[in-house]
Protein backbone atom coordinates (compact mmCIF):
# COMPACT_ATOMS: atom_id res chain seq x y z
CA MET A 1 -69.75 -142.50 140.80
CA VAL A 2 -69.18 -139.07 139.26
CA PHE A 3 -71.64 -136.51 139.56
CA GLY A 4 -70.55 -134.51 136.32
CA ALA A 5 -71.95 -132.97 132.61
CA ARG A 6 -72.93 -135.81 131.47
CA VAL A 7 -75.02 -136.60 133.92
CA TRP A 8 -76.61 -133.49 133.53
CA LYS A 9 -77.05 -133.90 129.56
CA THR A 10 -78.62 -137.01 130.23
CA GLY A 11 -81.50 -135.31 132.33
CA ILE A 12 -81.75 -132.44 129.79
CA ALA A 13 -82.05 -134.55 126.36
CA VAL A 14 -84.60 -136.76 128.58
CA THR A 15 -86.66 -133.90 129.45
CA LEU A 16 -86.19 -132.40 125.49
CA ALA A 17 -87.22 -135.51 123.71
CA LEU A 18 -90.19 -136.02 126.29
CA TYR A 19 -91.41 -132.36 125.32
CA ILE A 20 -90.94 -132.85 121.91
CA SER A 21 -92.72 -136.14 121.68
CA MET A 22 -95.82 -134.73 123.28
CA TRP A 23 -95.64 -131.53 121.43
CA LEU A 24 -96.13 -133.33 118.50
CA ASP A 25 -98.50 -136.03 119.89
CA PHE A 26 -96.24 -139.09 118.98
CA SER A 27 -97.38 -142.02 121.62
CA PRO A 28 -95.68 -143.55 123.69
CA PRO A 29 -93.19 -140.44 124.33
CA VAL A 30 -90.96 -143.18 126.61
CA ILE A 31 -89.22 -144.49 123.44
CA ALA A 32 -87.64 -141.07 122.54
CA ALA A 33 -86.47 -140.94 126.42
CA VAL A 34 -84.84 -144.10 126.27
CA ALA A 35 -83.14 -143.45 122.81
CA ALA A 36 -82.18 -140.21 124.25
CA ILE A 37 -80.61 -141.81 127.60
CA PHE A 38 -78.24 -144.07 125.21
CA ALA A 39 -77.40 -141.69 122.50
CA VAL A 40 -75.10 -139.55 124.99
CA GLN A 41 -71.77 -140.11 124.12
CA PRO A 42 -68.67 -138.86 126.17
CA SER A 43 -67.24 -136.57 122.92
CA ILE A 44 -68.41 -134.60 120.28
CA TYR A 45 -66.97 -137.33 117.58
CA ARG A 46 -68.63 -140.26 119.20
CA SER A 47 -71.76 -138.18 119.35
CA TRP A 48 -71.75 -137.31 115.89
CA ARG A 49 -70.80 -141.03 114.90
CA TYR A 50 -73.25 -142.24 116.96
CA PHE A 51 -75.84 -140.33 115.56
CA LEU A 52 -74.88 -141.27 111.94
CA GLU A 53 -74.63 -145.18 112.88
CA GLN A 54 -78.19 -145.05 114.95
CA LEU A 55 -79.95 -143.50 112.17
CA GLN A 56 -78.25 -146.50 109.22
CA THR A 57 -79.60 -149.35 111.39
CA ASN A 58 -82.62 -147.78 112.98
CA VAL A 59 -83.80 -147.07 109.45
CA LEU A 60 -82.55 -151.06 108.73
CA GLY A 61 -84.59 -152.25 111.58
CA ALA A 62 -87.60 -150.63 111.18
CA VAL A 63 -87.82 -151.37 107.97
CA LEU A 64 -87.36 -155.01 109.08
CA ALA A 65 -89.45 -154.92 111.43
CA LEU A 66 -92.18 -153.25 109.29
CA LEU A 67 -92.07 -156.01 106.53
CA ALA A 68 -91.88 -159.05 109.19
CA GLY A 69 -94.80 -157.21 111.06
CA THR A 70 -96.76 -157.16 107.65
CA PHE A 71 -96.50 -160.48 107.03
CA PHE A 72 -96.49 -162.17 111.00
CA SER A 73 -98.01 -159.21 112.69
CA ASN A 74 -96.32 -159.00 116.14
CA ASN A 75 -95.91 -162.57 116.70
CA VAL A 76 -93.33 -163.63 119.84
CA ILE A 77 -91.29 -166.14 117.55
CA ALA A 78 -91.05 -163.31 114.94
CA VAL A 79 -89.86 -160.53 117.17
CA GLY A 80 -87.44 -162.86 118.11
CA ILE A 81 -86.01 -163.67 114.88
CA VAL A 82 -86.11 -159.71 113.18
CA CYS A 83 -83.99 -159.18 116.48
CA ILE A 84 -81.37 -161.85 115.72
CA LEU A 85 -81.04 -160.78 112.13
CA VAL A 86 -80.62 -157.32 113.12
CA ILE A 87 -78.16 -158.10 115.61
CA LEU A 88 -76.54 -159.82 112.94
CA LEU A 89 -76.51 -156.93 110.61
CA CYS A 90 -75.35 -154.51 113.14
CA LEU A 91 -72.18 -156.97 113.96
CA ARG A 92 -71.65 -157.13 110.13
CA MET A 93 -71.73 -153.54 109.83
CA ARG A 94 -69.40 -152.94 113.03
CA MET A 95 -71.83 -151.17 114.73
CA GLU A 96 -72.21 -152.71 117.91
CA GLU A 97 -72.80 -149.83 120.15
CA THR A 98 -76.33 -149.54 118.23
CA ILE A 99 -77.62 -152.91 118.69
CA GLY A 100 -79.52 -151.85 122.38
CA LEU A 101 -81.54 -148.99 120.91
CA THR A 102 -81.92 -150.69 117.19
CA LEU A 103 -83.69 -153.71 118.97
CA VAL A 104 -85.94 -151.03 121.28
CA THR A 105 -87.28 -149.66 117.36
CA VAL A 106 -87.69 -153.10 116.19
CA VAL A 107 -89.73 -154.26 119.25
CA ALA A 108 -91.49 -151.12 119.58
CA VAL A 109 -92.21 -150.99 115.35
CA MET A 110 -93.20 -154.86 115.22
CA GLU A 111 -95.77 -153.68 118.51
CA ALA A 112 -97.24 -151.73 115.99
CA SER A 113 -97.30 -153.53 112.83
CA ALA A 114 -101.03 -153.52 112.33
CA ASP A 115 -101.05 -150.21 111.43
CA TRP A 116 -98.28 -148.86 109.24
CA LYS A 117 -98.64 -145.41 110.25
CA PHE A 118 -98.48 -146.09 114.18
CA ALA A 119 -94.89 -147.88 113.38
CA VAL A 120 -93.51 -144.91 111.47
CA ASN A 121 -94.46 -142.84 114.73
CA ARG A 122 -92.67 -145.25 116.75
CA PHE A 123 -89.66 -145.33 114.99
CA LEU A 124 -89.88 -141.39 114.61
CA LEU A 125 -89.77 -141.49 118.29
CA SER A 126 -86.32 -143.12 118.35
CA LEU A 127 -85.06 -140.63 115.76
CA ILE A 128 -86.16 -137.52 118.32
CA GLY A 129 -84.59 -139.25 121.28
CA ILE A 130 -81.12 -139.53 119.24
CA GLY A 131 -81.51 -136.01 117.91
CA CYS A 132 -82.18 -134.70 120.93
CA ALA A 133 -79.36 -136.32 122.84
CA PHE A 134 -76.89 -134.98 119.80
CA LEU A 135 -77.85 -131.62 119.93
CA ILE A 136 -77.63 -131.59 124.13
CA ASN A 137 -74.24 -132.61 124.04
CA VAL A 138 -72.65 -130.48 121.33
CA LEU A 139 -74.48 -127.49 122.81
CA PHE A 140 -74.64 -128.30 126.69
CA PHE A 141 -71.38 -128.52 128.25
CA PRO A 142 -69.83 -130.02 125.41
CA PRO A 143 -67.08 -132.70 126.22
CA LYS A 144 -63.55 -131.60 126.66
CA PRO A 145 -61.10 -134.90 126.77
CA LYS A 146 -58.00 -132.92 126.80
CA GLU A 147 -58.91 -130.93 129.95
CA GLN A 148 -59.95 -133.77 131.99
CA PHE A 149 -57.07 -135.59 130.97
CA ALA A 150 -54.78 -132.84 132.44
CA ALA A 151 -56.93 -132.59 135.57
CA GLN A 152 -56.77 -136.46 135.83
CA ILE A 153 -53.18 -137.46 135.13
CA GLN A 154 -52.32 -134.98 138.10
CA THR A 155 -54.16 -136.71 140.37
CA ALA A 156 -52.84 -139.98 139.35
CA PHE A 157 -49.74 -138.48 139.53
CA SER A 158 -50.50 -137.87 143.34
CA LYS A 159 -51.33 -140.98 143.78
CA MET A 160 -48.33 -142.35 142.23
CA SER A 161 -45.74 -140.17 144.05
CA LEU A 162 -47.12 -140.91 147.18
CA LEU A 163 -46.98 -144.67 146.37
CA LEU A 164 -43.28 -144.37 144.79
CA ARG A 165 -41.82 -142.74 147.91
CA THR A 166 -42.95 -144.80 150.28
CA VAL A 167 -42.71 -148.25 148.98
CA ILE A 168 -38.96 -149.46 149.19
CA SER A 169 -39.14 -147.98 152.89
CA ASN A 170 -42.52 -150.23 153.03
CA GLU A 171 -43.70 -146.95 155.42
CA MET A 172 -47.45 -147.36 154.34
CA LYS A 173 -49.72 -150.21 156.09
CA GLU A 174 -50.32 -152.65 153.56
CA THR A 175 -54.10 -152.26 153.34
CA VAL A 176 -53.50 -148.63 152.73
CA PHE A 177 -50.94 -149.00 149.96
CA ARG A 178 -53.56 -151.76 148.31
CA ASP A 179 -56.25 -149.19 148.01
CA GLU A 180 -53.90 -146.88 146.96
CA LYS A 181 -52.79 -148.66 143.92
CA VAL A 182 -56.08 -150.14 142.90
CA ALA A 183 -57.18 -146.33 142.89
CA LEU A 184 -53.96 -145.77 140.80
CA GLU A 185 -54.58 -148.69 138.54
CA GLY A 186 -58.14 -147.22 138.06
CA ALA A 187 -57.00 -143.67 137.21
CA LEU A 188 -54.69 -144.96 134.47
CA ARG A 189 -57.61 -146.93 132.80
CA ALA A 190 -59.49 -143.78 132.82
CA LEU A 191 -56.70 -141.64 131.34
CA ALA A 192 -56.59 -144.26 129.10
CA ASP A 193 -60.18 -143.93 127.64
CA LYS A 194 -59.98 -140.29 127.63
CA PHE A 195 -56.87 -140.55 125.66
CA LYS A 196 -58.55 -142.97 123.39
CA LEU A 197 -60.94 -140.19 122.81
CA MET A 198 -58.66 -137.77 121.85
CA GLU A 199 -56.81 -139.95 119.57
CA GLU A 200 -60.40 -140.82 117.78
CA GLU A 201 -60.97 -136.85 116.99
CA VAL A 202 -57.07 -136.48 115.67
CA LYS A 203 -57.43 -139.54 113.51
CA LYS A 204 -60.64 -138.40 111.77
CA LEU A 205 -60.70 -134.97 111.89
CA LYS A 206 -58.27 -133.60 109.36
CA ARG A 207 -57.96 -130.27 110.30
CA SER A 208 -56.85 -130.68 113.43
CA SER A 209 -53.94 -128.40 113.97
CA PHE A 210 -50.40 -128.89 113.98
CA THR A 211 -50.20 -127.71 117.58
CA SER A 212 -53.00 -130.25 118.94
CA ILE A 213 -51.25 -133.26 117.27
CA ARG A 214 -47.74 -132.69 118.78
CA HIS A 215 -49.31 -132.28 122.34
CA LEU A 216 -51.45 -135.50 121.73
CA VAL A 217 -47.83 -136.82 121.20
CA ILE A 218 -46.95 -135.83 124.61
CA TYR A 219 -50.44 -136.92 126.28
CA LYS A 220 -49.26 -140.32 124.99
CA GLN A 221 -45.93 -140.32 126.59
CA LYS A 222 -47.69 -139.11 129.62
CA LEU A 223 -49.55 -142.03 129.64
CA LEU A 224 -46.68 -144.23 129.09
CA ALA A 225 -44.35 -142.61 131.87
CA MET A 226 -47.44 -143.33 134.30
CA HIS A 227 -47.83 -146.96 133.32
CA LYS A 228 -43.83 -147.37 134.03
CA GLY A 229 -44.55 -145.94 137.07
CA LEU A 230 -46.90 -148.38 138.10
CA GLU A 231 -44.69 -151.24 136.67
CA VAL A 232 -41.90 -149.78 139.06
CA LEU A 233 -44.44 -150.36 142.42
CA GLU A 234 -45.36 -154.06 141.09
CA ALA A 235 -41.49 -155.11 140.39
CA VAL A 236 -40.81 -154.03 143.77
CA GLU A 237 -43.81 -155.70 145.20
CA GLU A 238 -43.12 -159.07 143.79
CA HIS A 239 -38.87 -158.93 143.74
CA TYR A 240 -37.50 -156.46 146.01
CA PHE A 241 -38.69 -157.38 149.62
CA GLN A 242 -38.11 -161.27 148.86
CA ALA A 243 -34.07 -160.34 147.89
CA ALA A 244 -31.59 -160.05 150.47
CA ARG A 245 -30.85 -156.25 150.91
CA THR A 246 -28.89 -154.13 153.45
CA PRO A 247 -29.63 -150.96 154.55
CA GLU A 248 -26.83 -149.17 151.81
CA ILE A 249 -28.92 -151.10 149.06
CA ASN A 250 -31.99 -149.76 150.09
CA HIS A 251 -30.82 -146.35 150.41
CA PHE A 252 -29.39 -146.61 147.10
CA PHE A 253 -32.98 -147.61 145.87
CA ASP A 254 -35.01 -145.50 147.48
CA ASP A 255 -32.67 -142.43 146.33
CA HIS A 256 -33.22 -143.35 142.78
CA VAL A 257 -36.59 -143.42 142.85
CA GLU A 258 -36.75 -139.84 144.82
CA ARG A 259 -34.74 -138.39 141.67
CA LEU A 260 -36.94 -139.83 139.25
CA ILE A 261 -40.29 -138.90 140.94
CA LYS A 262 -38.62 -135.14 141.54
CA PHE A 263 -37.80 -135.19 137.99
CA HIS A 264 -41.22 -136.72 136.61
CA GLU A 265 -42.83 -133.30 138.72
CA HIS A 266 -40.54 -130.81 136.95
CA VAL A 267 -41.73 -132.15 133.75
CA LEU A 268 -45.36 -132.19 134.01
CA LEU A 269 -44.79 -128.65 135.72
CA LYS A 270 -42.27 -127.60 132.76
CA PHE A 271 -45.40 -128.68 130.54
CA ASP A 272 -48.06 -126.91 131.99
CA ASP A 273 -45.45 -123.76 131.88
CA LYS A 274 -45.27 -123.24 135.77
CA LEU A 275 -41.41 -122.89 136.05
CA LYS A 276 -39.11 -120.18 135.35
CA ALA A 277 -37.15 -120.21 132.37
CA ASP A 278 -33.63 -121.09 134.24
CA CYS A 279 -35.00 -123.65 136.00
CA SER A 280 -32.47 -126.62 136.11
CA GLU A 281 -33.88 -128.58 138.61
CA GLY A 282 -34.31 -132.69 137.80
CA MET A 283 -31.76 -132.20 134.81
CA GLY A 284 -29.42 -134.85 133.77
CA ILE A 285 -31.41 -137.83 134.49
CA GLU A 286 -30.21 -140.10 131.89
CA GLU A 287 -26.57 -139.61 133.17
CA GLU A 288 -28.37 -140.58 136.79
CA ASN A 289 -29.70 -143.06 135.16
CA GLU A 290 -26.87 -144.64 133.75
CA ARG A 291 -24.61 -144.08 136.84
CA PHE A 292 -27.52 -146.15 138.71
CA MET A 293 -27.34 -149.16 136.55
CA SER A 294 -23.49 -149.23 136.89
CA ASN A 295 -23.41 -148.61 140.69
CA LEU A 296 -25.89 -151.83 140.94
CA ILE A 297 -23.86 -154.35 138.42
CA GLY A 298 -20.47 -152.91 140.32
CA SER A 299 -22.43 -154.25 143.39
CA TYR A 300 -23.89 -157.41 141.82
CA GLN A 301 -20.00 -158.77 141.09
CA GLU A 302 -19.22 -158.02 144.67
CA ARG A 303 -22.20 -159.81 146.35
CA PRO A 304 -24.15 -161.74 143.91
CA SER A 305 -26.30 -163.77 145.87
CA GLY A 306 -29.90 -162.06 145.53
CA MET A 307 -28.93 -159.64 143.27
CA LEU A 308 -30.99 -161.12 140.62
CA ARG A 309 -34.12 -159.98 141.83
CA LEU A 310 -32.68 -156.78 142.42
CA SER A 311 -32.15 -156.64 139.16
CA ILE A 312 -35.39 -156.72 137.95
CA VAL A 313 -36.34 -153.71 139.97
CA ALA A 314 -33.41 -151.46 138.75
CA ALA A 315 -34.67 -152.02 135.32
CA ALA A 316 -38.27 -151.31 136.08
CA LEU A 317 -36.73 -148.00 137.09
CA TYR A 318 -34.38 -147.46 134.40
CA ASP A 319 -37.06 -147.94 131.97
CA TYR A 320 -39.08 -145.63 134.29
CA GLY A 321 -36.28 -142.83 134.09
CA HIS A 322 -35.45 -143.54 130.47
CA GLN A 323 -39.46 -142.81 129.19
CA ILE A 324 -39.54 -139.47 131.60
CA ALA A 325 -36.23 -138.48 129.78
CA ARG A 326 -38.28 -139.09 126.40
CA LEU A 327 -41.41 -136.72 127.99
CA ASP A 328 -38.68 -134.43 128.96
CA LYS A 329 -37.51 -133.88 125.27
CA LEU A 330 -40.86 -133.79 123.99
CA VAL A 331 -41.85 -130.78 126.49
CA GLU A 332 -38.56 -129.00 125.31
CA HIS A 333 -39.33 -129.41 121.66
CA ILE A 334 -42.99 -127.57 122.38
CA HIS A 335 -41.59 -124.99 124.64
CA ARG A 336 -38.68 -123.94 121.79
CA GLY A 337 -41.79 -123.20 119.68
CA ASP A 338 -39.73 -125.51 116.79
CA GLU A 339 -42.63 -125.25 113.91
CA GLU A 340 -41.05 -127.75 111.48
CA LYS A 341 -44.10 -128.75 109.55
CA VAL A 342 -44.55 -132.80 109.35
CA PRO A 343 -47.19 -134.14 106.82
CA PHE A 344 -50.11 -135.25 108.85
CA ASP A 345 -49.78 -138.67 107.68
CA THR A 346 -46.26 -139.09 108.61
CA LEU A 347 -46.80 -137.75 112.01
CA LEU A 348 -49.94 -139.96 112.78
CA LYS A 349 -47.88 -143.15 111.30
CA SER A 350 -45.04 -142.18 114.07
CA MET A 351 -47.18 -141.81 117.16
CA ARG A 352 -48.87 -145.46 115.69
CA LEU A 353 -52.41 -144.13 115.64
CA LYS A 354 -53.06 -145.98 112.17
């Protein structure tokens, strides 16, 4: 588990919620603390959305709980029925994330249903917790998914580079390879989550700059290229070692993998503006890709036995190279400073974000 900003913010939000509750003499303050724990979110947009959704569902749940408590007091069967109704309403409103905290509000309000003032007090405790979490999330260490994505993709690429450079030669121990591959898969899942956060903000915040939108397109292509690299690893595991091979074929595949990895690294450095202006390392990867497939087809005609499985690995390598080449073109487009203004809706459609 990573000890990051969200851990700090949760603790600060809980402390603030407890302090405000005790200052206002609201009891029990633990309800505000529980609400604050639930409400800390990984992005500013999600914090705002969660705040609005919790406000709606908590008001609805509190009203239902207050009405049910008036007629049935805190009867345990009535509490269960109201909880079921609230869950169904939250699902109907497509606000599934608010269910847990809304049910806390419902149970707390129904427990104090004999005194409506006390019930309102407990409802306000939930709002205090939600509000404190929102303020802390915005004011202290605000989430920066873009910077986190950039850092995580470098770590994930380092893992993938090591695995790809050793997979054909089969130099790495099987247990180490398996552990590293599992770690890479986890890193790619985390990257996908970070990208989703950035994507949400671009879709919902219409004032996003043109540059940030174009960068999001590149981040999406970065993630796709990483997934294609993982597919190469899976294809090699599944098919390469089961095919009949010669030392020349091993060298042929290993050499192409090395070129693809070097080019991928080159493109990432280029995007980060860490290369000299006249640097041409890794150029012409599309031609290399075509030459690789042409040579493989020639080998297939000479010795077709066992080449079908190798062609599956080759197809995965070709697709990986193709996606890196697309990434390189997008990065070149950014560095040329081409500021052609594309309508926002048109660009979103091209990104398939709708």
